[in-house]
Amino acid sequence: MSAYEKQKIILICSDGGLLDQILEFEKMYLRYSYLSVTEESPATIPLKEKYNIRYLKGRAKGKIET
């Protein structure tokens, strides 16, 4: 096990622009033991084929759940 594999990181973001920014840094975090967490949406489902990713149920845009 390399030193990178011993380090664990988690990347959490919504399914919008911040996710795009995180994906730009993949060369950095792919060498670590990592987990990405984002909202489940049609745009994020295909990412499961390439990344270690888990999904949260997204809320309707602009609505606050009570």
Protein backbone atom coordinates (compact mmCIF):
# COMPACT_ATOMS: atom_id res chain seq x y z
CA MET A 1 0.00 0.00 0.00
CA SER A 2 1.43 3.36 -1.02
CA ALA A 3 1.45 6.46 1.19
CA TYR A 4 -1.34 7.90 -0.98
CA GLU A 5 -3.58 4.87 -0.44
CA LYS A 6 -3.29 5.34 3.32
CA GLN A 7 -4.67 8.87 3.05
CA LYS A 8 -8.45 9.04 2.83
CA ILE A 9 -10.40 11.99 1.53
CA ILE A 10 -14.06 12.71 0.90
CA LEU A 11 -15.34 15.19 -1.69
CA ILE A 12 -18.87 16.49 -1.08
CA CYS A 13 -20.74 18.90 -3.33
CA SER A 14 -23.99 19.60 -5.13
CA ASP A 15 -24.48 18.45 -8.71
CA GLY A 16 -23.73 21.82 -10.30
CA GLY A 17 -20.67 23.95 -10.91
CA LEU A 18 -18.80 22.87 -7.80
CA LEU A 19 -18.92 19.25 -9.01
CA ASP A 20 -17.39 20.39 -12.31
CA GLN A 21 -14.59 22.08 -10.38
CA ILE A 22 -13.92 19.00 -8.24
CA LEU A 23 -13.72 16.81 -11.34
CA GLU A 24 -11.04 19.12 -12.74
CA PHE A 25 -8.80 18.05 -9.83
CA GLU A 26 -9.13 14.32 -10.50
CA LYS A 27 -5.39 13.88 -11.12
CA MET A 28 -4.83 14.98 -7.54
CA TYR A 29 -7.41 12.87 -5.72
CA LEU A 30 -7.44 9.70 -7.84
CA ARG A 31 -4.15 8.65 -6.23
CA TYR A 32 -5.80 8.68 -2.78
CA SER A 33 -8.43 6.48 -1.24
CA TYR A 34 -11.36 8.80 -1.88
CA LEU A 35 -15.12 8.98 -1.91
CA SER A 36 -17.20 11.54 -3.79
CA VAL A 37 -20.69 12.39 -2.58
CA THR A 38 -23.13 14.42 -4.66
CA GLU A 39 -26.79 14.68 -5.53
CA GLU A 40 -28.34 12.02 -7.72
CA SER A 41 -29.37 13.50 -11.06
CA PRO A 42 -29.33 12.50 -14.73
CA ALA A 43 -26.01 14.35 -15.08
CA THR A 44 -24.29 12.53 -12.20
CA ILE A 45 -25.47 8.93 -12.71
CA PRO A 46 -22.89 8.18 -15.48
CA LEU A 47 -20.04 9.32 -13.19
CA LYS A 48 -20.40 6.07 -11.22
CA GLU A 49 -18.68 4.24 -14.08
CA LYS A 50 -15.46 6.23 -13.60
CA TYR A 51 -15.41 7.46 -9.99
CA ASN A 52 -15.94 6.11 -6.48
CA ILE A 53 -19.16 8.04 -5.95
CA ARG A 54 -22.27 7.83 -3.78
CA TYR A 55 -25.45 9.76 -4.21
CA LEU A 56 -27.73 11.73 -1.93
CA LYS A 57 -31.34 12.36 -2.77
CA GLY A 58 -31.43 15.89 -4.14
CA ARG A 59 -34.15 18.29 -3.12
CA ALA A 60 -36.31 20.17 -5.57
CA LYS A 61 -34.51 23.32 -6.64
CA GLY A 62 -35.69 26.37 -4.73
CA LYS A 63 -37.71 24.43 -2.18
CA ILE A 64 -36.93 23.99 1.48
CA GLU A 65 -37.88 20.63 2.95
CA THR A 66 -39.48 20.73 6.38
